[in-house]
Amino acid sequence: MARIGAEERRQDFIEATIKVIAEHGIANATTRRIATAADSPLASLHYVFHTKDELFYAVYESLINMPQQSLQHAPAGATAGESVAEMLRQLVKWFTAHPELATTQFELFFWNLRNNPDMAAKIYAVSIEATQQAIHKVIGAALDQTALTTVSRLLINLFDGLLLAWSAHGDRERLESETETACHAVKLLVSSY
């Protein structure tokens, strides 16, 4: 039997957790079920992640990092506002192509909000920071720090709202229309700075 490296095993557990949460909900995401989904012994899961909170945070971190590649493609010659609007458009597109990831992200956040509010605050802060870095990477110093923070928070709020609404109504055309409206609002806000 081939040995699997710790980092590869860690990623297997993260992917299995995403799958289990998306299929069964967080309440039914037992470590035993996650280990089975990862095709690994339960002891290995507990060796890699000492607590369930540690595992859930690693999953959330992974969910923040996954779509980052889609945020680095600004249209050539675009204004800062157009670039940030495109980032929102790409985020929505990426998550709608991976609906299980959106479901898992919402489940984890609301579970943390109820059970571990400090972790929920940390997750939100990490999301803001990742968004600020992505925006800065695309538009450079077009926004000062206060404006960058404001735009990052709005981007996250719009993104979360769009995906939550889409989870409820399931209408792709409506989501695309609402996304374009949100992109227009972001573009106007960034342009106002």
Protein backbone atom coordinates (compact mmCIF):
# COMPACT_ATOMS: atom_id res chain seq x y z
CA MET A 1 0.00 0.00 0.00
CA ALA A 2 1.45 3.35 -1.06
CA ARG A 3 1.94 6.00 1.59
CA ILE A 4 0.14 9.26 1.13
CA GLY A 5 1.89 12.47 2.17
CA ALA A 6 0.43 14.59 4.95
CA GLU A 7 -0.42 17.52 2.64
CA GLU A 8 -2.14 15.25 0.12
CA ARG A 9 -4.08 13.54 2.92
CA ARG A 10 -5.02 16.96 4.33
CA GLN A 11 -6.43 17.97 0.93
CA ASP A 12 -8.31 14.65 0.67
CA PHE A 13 -10.00 15.39 4.01
CA ILE A 14 -10.87 18.94 2.96
CA GLU A 15 -12.44 17.73 -0.31
CA ALA A 16 -14.29 14.93 1.48
CA THR A 17 -15.64 17.40 4.05
CA ILE A 18 -16.92 19.70 1.29
CA LYS A 19 -18.65 16.76 -0.34
CA VAL A 20 -20.17 15.47 2.92
CA ILE A 21 -21.43 18.91 4.00
CA ALA A 22 -22.91 19.59 0.56
CA GLU A 23 -24.68 16.20 0.52
CA HIS A 24 -25.68 15.77 4.16
CA GLY A 25 -25.44 19.18 5.83
CA ILE A 26 -23.06 20.20 8.55
CA ALA A 27 -25.08 18.55 11.33
CA ASN A 28 -24.48 15.19 9.65
CA ALA A 29 -20.85 15.82 8.74
CA THR A 30 -19.42 13.41 11.28
CA THR A 31 -15.72 12.70 11.31
CA ARG A 32 -16.52 9.06 10.60
CA ARG A 33 -18.53 10.00 7.49
CA ILE A 34 -15.77 12.38 6.35
CA ALA A 35 -13.05 9.74 6.82
CA THR A 36 -15.13 7.25 4.85
CA ALA A 37 -15.65 9.78 2.03
CA ALA A 38 -11.87 10.35 1.99
CA ASP A 39 -11.33 6.58 1.90
CA SER A 40 -9.16 6.88 4.98
CA PRO A 41 -9.10 5.54 8.53
CA LEU A 42 -10.77 7.74 11.12
CA ALA A 43 -7.50 7.84 13.10
CA SER A 44 -5.78 9.50 10.13
CA LEU A 45 -8.38 12.25 10.10
CA HIS A 46 -7.82 12.90 13.80
CA TYR A 47 -4.06 12.85 13.26
CA VAL A 48 -4.20 15.49 10.52
CA PHE A 49 -6.94 17.61 12.12
CA HIS A 50 -6.97 17.50 15.89
CA THR A 51 -10.43 19.05 16.17
CA LYS A 52 -13.49 19.37 13.99
CA ASP A 53 -13.21 23.17 14.26
CA GLU A 54 -9.68 22.96 12.84
CA LEU A 55 -10.98 20.85 9.93
CA PHE A 56 -13.90 23.20 9.27
CA TYR A 57 -11.61 26.23 9.30
CA ALA A 58 -9.28 24.52 6.79
CA VAL A 59 -12.30 23.83 4.59
CA TYR A 60 -13.42 27.45 4.78
CA GLU A 61 -9.91 28.68 4.03
CA SER A 62 -9.85 26.40 1.02
CA LEU A 63 -13.21 27.76 -0.15
CA ILE A 64 -11.83 31.29 0.06
CA ASN A 65 -8.70 30.38 -1.91
CA MET A 66 -10.27 28.23 -4.65
CA PRO A 67 -11.91 30.98 -6.73
CA GLN A 68 -8.98 33.40 -6.36
CA GLN A 69 -7.58 32.43 -9.79
CA SER A 70 -10.77 33.62 -11.44
CA LEU A 71 -10.33 37.03 -9.82
CA GLN A 72 -7.09 37.83 -11.58
CA HIS A 73 -8.48 38.34 -15.06
CA ALA A 74 -9.35 41.98 -15.65
CA PRO A 75 -10.31 42.98 -19.18
CA ALA A 76 -7.51 44.83 -21.00
CA GLY A 77 -7.94 48.59 -20.80
CA ALA A 78 -10.69 48.32 -18.20
CA THR A 79 -11.21 51.03 -15.61
CA ALA A 80 -10.84 50.17 -11.92
CA GLY A 81 -14.64 50.09 -11.62
CA GLU A 82 -15.02 47.76 -14.61
CA SER A 83 -12.28 45.50 -13.24
CA VAL A 84 -13.87 45.16 -9.80
CA ALA A 85 -17.29 44.57 -11.41
CA GLU A 86 -15.72 41.81 -13.51
CA MET A 87 -14.30 40.27 -10.35
CA LEU A 88 -17.82 40.02 -8.91
CA ARG A 89 -19.11 38.58 -12.16
CA GLN A 90 -16.32 35.95 -12.19
CA LEU A 91 -16.89 35.03 -8.53
CA VAL A 92 -20.58 34.40 -9.16
CA LYS A 93 -19.77 32.45 -12.32
CA TRP A 94 -17.19 30.31 -10.53
CA PHE A 95 -19.44 29.43 -7.61
CA THR A 96 -22.46 28.68 -9.83
CA ALA A 97 -20.22 26.26 -11.73
CA HIS A 98 -19.48 24.64 -8.34
CA PRO A 99 -22.79 24.83 -6.42
CA GLU A 100 -21.71 22.29 -3.80
CA LEU A 101 -18.95 24.67 -2.76
CA ALA A 102 -21.40 27.55 -2.34
CA THR A 103 -23.69 25.31 -0.26
CA THR A 104 -20.79 24.18 1.91
CA GLN A 105 -19.58 27.74 2.43
CA PHE A 106 -23.00 28.90 3.62
CA GLU A 107 -23.49 25.86 5.85
CA LEU A 108 -20.09 26.34 7.49
CA PHE A 109 -20.50 30.04 8.04
CA PHE A 110 -23.95 29.77 9.63
CA TRP A 111 -22.86 26.81 11.76
CA ASN A 112 -19.92 28.85 13.03
CA LEU A 113 -22.14 31.87 13.60
CA ARG A 114 -24.33 29.77 15.94
CA ASN A 115 -21.66 27.61 17.55
CA ASN A 116 -18.45 29.59 17.40
CA PRO A 117 -19.05 33.32 16.79
CA ASP A 118 -15.34 34.11 17.17
CA MET A 119 -14.56 31.72 14.32
CA ALA A 120 -17.32 33.30 12.21
CA ALA A 121 -15.75 36.73 12.80
CA LYS A 122 -12.32 35.34 11.88
CA ILE A 123 -13.72 33.78 8.69
CA TYR A 124 -15.31 37.08 7.70
CA ALA A 125 -12.07 38.96 8.37
CA VAL A 126 -10.07 36.48 6.27
CA SER A 127 -12.64 36.86 3.46
CA ILE A 128 -12.32 40.65 3.55
CA GLU A 129 -8.53 40.47 3.53
CA ALA A 130 -8.46 37.99 0.61
CA THR A 131 -10.87 40.20 -1.33
CA GLN A 132 -8.81 43.32 -0.63
CA GLN A 133 -5.66 41.57 -1.84
CA ALA A 134 -7.39 40.34 -5.00
CA ILE A 135 -8.76 43.80 -5.80
CA HIS A 136 -5.41 45.46 -5.12
CA LYS A 137 -3.67 42.93 -7.35
CA VAL A 138 -6.01 43.76 -10.23
CA ILE A 139 -6.35 47.54 -9.92
CA GLY A 140 -3.20 48.51 -8.04
CA ALA A 141 -3.32 51.66 -5.94
CA ALA A 142 -6.46 53.09 -7.60
CA LEU A 143 -8.21 53.03 -4.19
CA ASP A 144 -6.93 54.19 -0.83
CA GLN A 145 -7.19 51.77 2.11
CA THR A 146 -10.55 53.07 3.34
CA ALA A 147 -12.10 52.83 -0.13
CA LEU A 148 -10.54 49.40 -0.68
CA THR A 149 -12.07 48.12 2.57
CA THR A 150 -15.48 49.59 1.68
CA VAL A 151 -15.44 48.12 -1.82
CA SER A 152 -14.25 44.72 -0.53
CA ARG A 153 -17.06 44.56 2.02
CA LEU A 154 -19.63 45.54 -0.58
CA LEU A 155 -18.29 42.96 -3.01
CA ILE A 156 -18.62 40.21 -0.39
CA ASN A 157 -22.08 41.36 0.66
CA LEU A 158 -23.32 41.45 -2.93
CA PHE A 159 -21.72 38.11 -3.73
CA ASP A 160 -23.20 36.40 -0.66
CA GLY A 161 -26.62 37.92 -1.32
CA LEU A 162 -26.61 36.87 -4.97
CA LEU A 163 -25.65 33.29 -4.17
CA LEU A 164 -28.08 32.99 -1.29
CA ALA A 165 -30.92 34.26 -3.48
CA TRP A 166 -29.89 31.90 -6.29
CA SER A 167 -29.83 28.99 -3.82
CA ALA A 168 -33.46 29.81 -3.04
CA HIS A 169 -34.86 30.55 -6.52
CA GLY A 170 -32.52 28.45 -8.72
CA ASP A 171 -33.17 30.64 -11.78
CA ARG A 172 -29.88 31.11 -13.67
CA GLU A 173 -31.24 33.90 -15.90
CA ARG A 174 -32.45 35.83 -12.88
CA LEU A 175 -29.07 35.37 -11.20
CA GLU A 176 -27.27 36.69 -14.29
CA SER A 177 -29.57 39.72 -14.46
CA GLU A 178 -29.17 40.46 -10.75
CA THR A 179 -25.40 39.97 -11.04
CA GLU A 180 -25.24 42.55 -13.83
CA THR A 181 -27.19 45.02 -11.67
CA ALA A 182 -24.77 44.39 -8.78
CA CYS A 183 -21.78 44.79 -11.12
CA HIS A 184 -23.14 48.13 -12.28
CA ALA A 185 -23.48 49.28 -8.66
CA VAL A 186 -19.90 48.20 -7.88
CA LYS A 187 -18.60 49.96 -10.98
CA LEU A 188 -20.36 53.19 -9.96
CA LEU A 189 -19.05 52.98 -6.39
CA VAL A 190 -15.44 52.39 -7.46
CA SER A 191 -15.70 55.17 -10.06
CA SER A 192 -16.93 57.58 -7.37
CA TYR A 193 -13.57 57.33 -5.61
